[in-house]
Amino acid sequence: MIKVIEVTQEDIDRGVRKESCQCPIALALQRCTGYLWAAGPLEACRIGVADSDVEFPRDAKRFIRNFDDGLPVQPFSFEYDEEKQTFK
């Protein structure tokens, strides 16, 4: 099943720079999938699930880098394929 992950302005406003579980993308993933996630600069992983690292698409990597550096970011979306455990 493919889910659209919407990173909203509320996620951005609630997000904490350089905190992997409080990144706006991690907050959006948690809201959209029901699982706790940690979002690093290149990939995300579900907390408590072995081998769950999933590489982010380019836009998400850029978003995290900009957010962590204190640069302006905008809401955006990307897809998560639950069956294949991939982001698009």
Protein backbone atom coordinates (compact mmCIF):
# COMPACT_ATOMS: atom_id res chain seq x y z
CA MET A 1 0.00 0.00 0.00
CA ILE A 2 1.35 3.42 -0.94
CA LYS A 3 0.77 6.28 1.50
CA VAL A 4 1.25 9.94 0.75
CA ILE A 5 3.26 11.55 3.55
CA GLU A 6 2.26 15.20 3.90
CA VAL A 7 4.76 17.33 5.79
CA THR A 8 2.50 20.18 6.93
CA GLN A 9 3.20 23.65 8.25
CA GLU A 10 2.16 22.34 11.66
CA ASP A 11 4.83 19.62 11.43
CA ILE A 12 7.38 22.30 10.55
CA ASP A 13 6.26 24.56 13.40
CA ARG A 14 6.42 21.66 15.92
CA GLY A 15 9.69 20.25 14.57
CA VAL A 16 12.97 20.50 16.46
CA ARG A 17 16.24 21.02 14.58
CA LYS A 18 18.77 18.19 14.76
CA GLU A 19 16.41 15.95 16.79
CA SER A 20 15.78 12.85 14.69
CA CYS A 21 12.48 11.86 16.35
CA GLN A 22 11.19 15.45 16.38
CA CYS A 23 12.10 16.38 12.80
CA PRO A 24 9.06 17.56 10.80
CA ILE A 25 9.42 14.54 8.51
CA ALA A 26 9.51 12.14 11.48
CA LEU A 27 6.40 13.82 12.89
CA ALA A 28 4.62 13.50 9.52
CA LEU A 29 5.63 9.85 9.18
CA GLN A 30 4.34 9.09 12.66
CA ARG A 31 1.03 10.84 11.95
CA CYS A 32 0.56 9.14 8.56
CA THR A 33 1.72 5.61 9.44
CA GLY A 34 1.02 5.30 13.16
CA TYR A 35 4.63 4.28 13.87
CA LEU A 36 7.40 6.17 15.66
CA TRP A 37 10.20 7.15 13.25
CA ALA A 38 13.66 8.67 13.48
CA ALA A 39 14.68 10.78 10.49
CA GLY A 40 18.35 11.27 9.74
CA PRO A 41 19.89 13.32 6.96
CA LEU A 42 19.77 10.44 4.46
CA GLU A 43 17.25 7.91 5.71
CA ALA A 44 14.53 7.11 8.22
CA CYS A 45 14.00 4.10 10.41
CA ARG A 46 11.04 2.86 12.40
CA ILE A 47 11.81 2.78 16.09
CA GLY A 48 11.94 -0.76 17.48
CA VAL A 49 12.00 -2.47 14.08
CA ALA A 50 15.26 -4.10 12.98
CA ASP A 51 16.43 -3.50 9.41
CA SER A 52 13.87 -0.77 8.83
CA ASP A 53 16.21 1.89 7.41
CA VAL A 54 14.66 3.46 4.32
CA GLU A 55 16.53 5.96 2.14
CA PHE A 56 14.79 9.30 1.62
CA PRO A 57 14.07 10.81 -1.79
CA ARG A 58 16.20 13.81 -2.78
CA ASP A 59 13.57 16.41 -1.79
CA ALA A 60 13.32 14.99 1.73
CA LYS A 61 17.12 14.97 2.15
CA ARG A 62 17.26 18.62 1.06
CA PHE A 63 14.39 19.51 3.40
CA ILE A 64 16.15 17.95 6.42
CA ARG A 65 19.46 19.62 5.59
CA ASN A 66 17.78 23.03 5.21
CA PHE A 67 15.61 22.62 8.32
CA ASP A 68 18.56 21.56 10.47
CA ASP A 69 20.62 24.50 9.15
CA GLY A 70 17.85 26.97 10.07
CA LEU A 71 16.97 27.79 6.46
CA PRO A 72 13.35 28.36 5.38
CA VAL A 73 11.40 25.23 4.40
CA GLN A 74 7.94 24.73 2.95
CA PRO A 75 5.34 21.97 3.35
CA PHE A 76 5.77 19.16 0.82
CA SER A 77 4.80 15.54 0.31
CA PHE A 78 6.37 12.25 -0.72
CA GLU A 79 5.23 8.65 -0.96
CA TYR A 80 5.93 5.65 1.26
CA ASP A 81 5.37 2.16 -0.12
CA GLU A 82 4.68 0.03 2.95
CA GLU A 83 5.04 -3.29 1.13
CA LYS A 84 8.40 -2.47 -0.48
CA GLN A 85 9.56 -0.30 2.44
CA THR A 86 10.63 2.50 0.09
CA PHE A 87 10.09 6.25 -0.21
CA LYS A 88 9.46 8.04 -3.50
